[in-house]
Protein backbone atom coordinates (compact mmCIF):
# COMPACT_ATOMS: atom_id res chain seq x y z
CA UNK A 1 -50.34 -37.82 14.60
CA UNK A 2 -48.06 -38.08 17.59
CA UNK A 3 -45.62 -35.47 18.90
CA UNK A 4 -42.49 -37.22 17.58
CA UNK A 5 -43.84 -37.07 14.05
CA UNK A 6 -44.45 -33.33 14.33
CA UNK A 7 -40.94 -32.73 15.70
CA UNK A 8 -39.44 -34.82 12.89
CA UNK A 9 -41.36 -32.85 10.27
CA UNK A 10 -40.39 -29.59 11.91
CA UNK A 11 -36.72 -30.61 11.84
CA UNK A 12 -36.90 -31.00 8.05
CA UNK A 13 -38.13 -27.42 7.80
CA UNK A 14 -35.76 -25.82 10.33
CA UNK A 15 -32.45 -27.44 9.36
CA UNK A 16 -32.32 -26.05 5.78
CA UNK A 17 -33.29 -22.64 7.14
CA UNK A 18 -30.43 -22.75 9.69
CA UNK A 19 -27.99 -23.91 7.00
CA UNK A 20 -29.08 -21.01 4.77
CA UNK A 21 -28.51 -18.54 7.62
CA UNK A 22 -25.05 -20.01 8.35
CA UNK A 23 -23.99 -19.77 4.69
CA UNK A 24 -25.33 -16.21 4.51
CA UNK A 25 -23.38 -15.21 7.63
CA UNK A 26 -20.18 -16.68 6.19
CA UNK A 27 -20.77 -14.83 2.92
CA UNK A 28 -21.17 -11.54 4.80
CA UNK A 29 -17.97 -12.10 6.79
CA UNK A 30 -16.02 -12.93 3.64
CA UNK A 31 -17.47 -9.94 1.81
CA UNK A 32 -16.51 -7.63 4.69
CA UNK A 33 -12.97 -9.01 4.94
CA UNK A 34 -12.30 -8.71 1.20
CA UNK A 35 -13.54 -5.16 0.55
CA UNK A 36 -11.19 -3.04 -1.57
CA UNK A 37 -11.18 -0.14 0.88
CA UNK A 38 -9.73 -2.43 3.52
CA UNK A 39 -6.66 -2.89 1.31
CA UNK A 40 -6.36 0.86 0.69
CA UNK A 41 -6.08 1.86 4.34
CA UNK A 42 -2.31 2.14 4.21
CA UNK A 43 -1.07 5.67 4.65
CA UNK A 44 1.59 5.16 2.00
CA UNK A 45 0.37 4.43 -1.50
CA UNK A 46 3.83 3.23 -2.57
CA UNK A 47 4.34 0.64 0.17
CA UNK A 48 7.76 0.77 1.80
CA UNK A 49 9.07 3.44 -0.56
CA UNK A 50 8.79 7.07 0.52
CA UNK A 51 9.25 10.15 -1.67
CA UNK A 52 12.42 12.09 -0.89
CA UNK A 53 12.18 14.72 -3.63
CA UNK A 54 9.80 15.90 -6.34
CA UNK A 55 11.56 17.33 -9.36
CA UNK A 56 10.19 18.70 -12.64
CA UNK A 57 11.85 16.25 -15.06
CA UNK A 58 13.26 12.77 -15.37
CA UNK A 59 16.75 14.23 -15.97
CA UNK A 60 16.59 16.06 -12.63
CA UNK A 61 15.39 12.87 -10.95
CA UNK A 62 18.38 11.01 -12.40
CA UNK A 63 20.75 13.67 -11.00
CA UNK A 64 19.24 13.31 -7.51
CA UNK A 65 19.31 9.52 -7.81
CA UNK A 66 22.97 9.50 -8.90
CA UNK A 67 23.90 11.67 -5.92
CA UNK A 68 22.13 9.25 -3.58
CA UNK A 69 23.61 6.18 -5.33
CA UNK A 70 27.06 7.71 -4.74
CA UNK A 71 26.34 7.49 -1.01
CA UNK A 72 25.05 3.92 -1.24
CA UNK A 73 21.32 4.71 -1.06
CA UNK A 74 18.97 2.77 -3.33
CA UNK A 75 16.48 4.87 -5.27
CA UNK A 76 13.82 4.69 -7.92
CA UNK A 77 11.62 7.28 -9.58
CA UNK A 78 7.94 7.52 -10.45
CA UNK A 79 6.15 10.01 -12.66
CA UNK A 80 3.31 12.00 -11.10
CA UNK A 81 0.99 14.61 -12.62
CA UNK A 82 3.08 17.39 -11.03
CA UNK A 83 6.57 16.06 -11.74
CA UNK A 84 8.78 13.08 -10.96
CA UNK A 85 9.13 11.64 -7.45
CA UNK A 86 12.44 10.21 -6.33
CA UNK A 87 11.71 7.36 -3.92
CA UNK A 88 13.92 5.70 -1.29
CA UNK A 89 13.38 2.88 1.19
CA UNK A 90 11.81 3.95 4.47
CA UNK A 91 14.83 2.95 6.58
CA UNK A 92 17.16 5.05 4.40
CA UNK A 93 14.98 8.17 4.42
CA UNK A 94 16.79 10.03 7.21
CA UNK A 95 20.21 9.57 5.64
CA UNK A 96 18.92 10.38 2.16
CA UNK A 97 17.50 13.71 3.36
CA UNK A 98 21.00 14.81 4.30
CA UNK A 99 22.38 14.10 0.84
CA UNK A 100 19.43 15.58 -1.06
CA UNK A 101 19.81 18.90 0.78
CA UNK A 102 23.55 19.28 0.27
CA UNK A 103 24.56 21.38 -2.77
CA UNK A 104 26.02 19.81 -5.89
CA UNK A 105 29.80 19.48 -5.71
CA UNK A 106 30.24 20.83 -9.21
CA UNK A 107 28.06 23.93 -8.73
CA UNK A 108 30.50 25.91 -6.58
CA UNK A 109 33.10 28.29 -8.01
CA UNK A 110 36.64 26.96 -8.36
CA UNK A 111 39.15 28.96 -6.44
């Protein structure tokens, strides 16, 4: 048997092995890029919404939301195990803090 015959036979053995390694490497890269923990690395679990207040009931959340809506700030609420979060958009957070901290207009004494 000559040398070219041995090289040709060896090529039939090596090429499938190299293809198997290439497919395995691609599978590992895809597995690494699609891991669930990679998607959970955001520091905010609610995306672009940030909590502005946590209140004990949905009625209290609606009062806070109506105060913010009166100033043109968009809100939503989400129930949590410890209460109800009132959420605003990240770019409106600074302005919303001012209106959440101010006292209710109807709570003062008339005089």
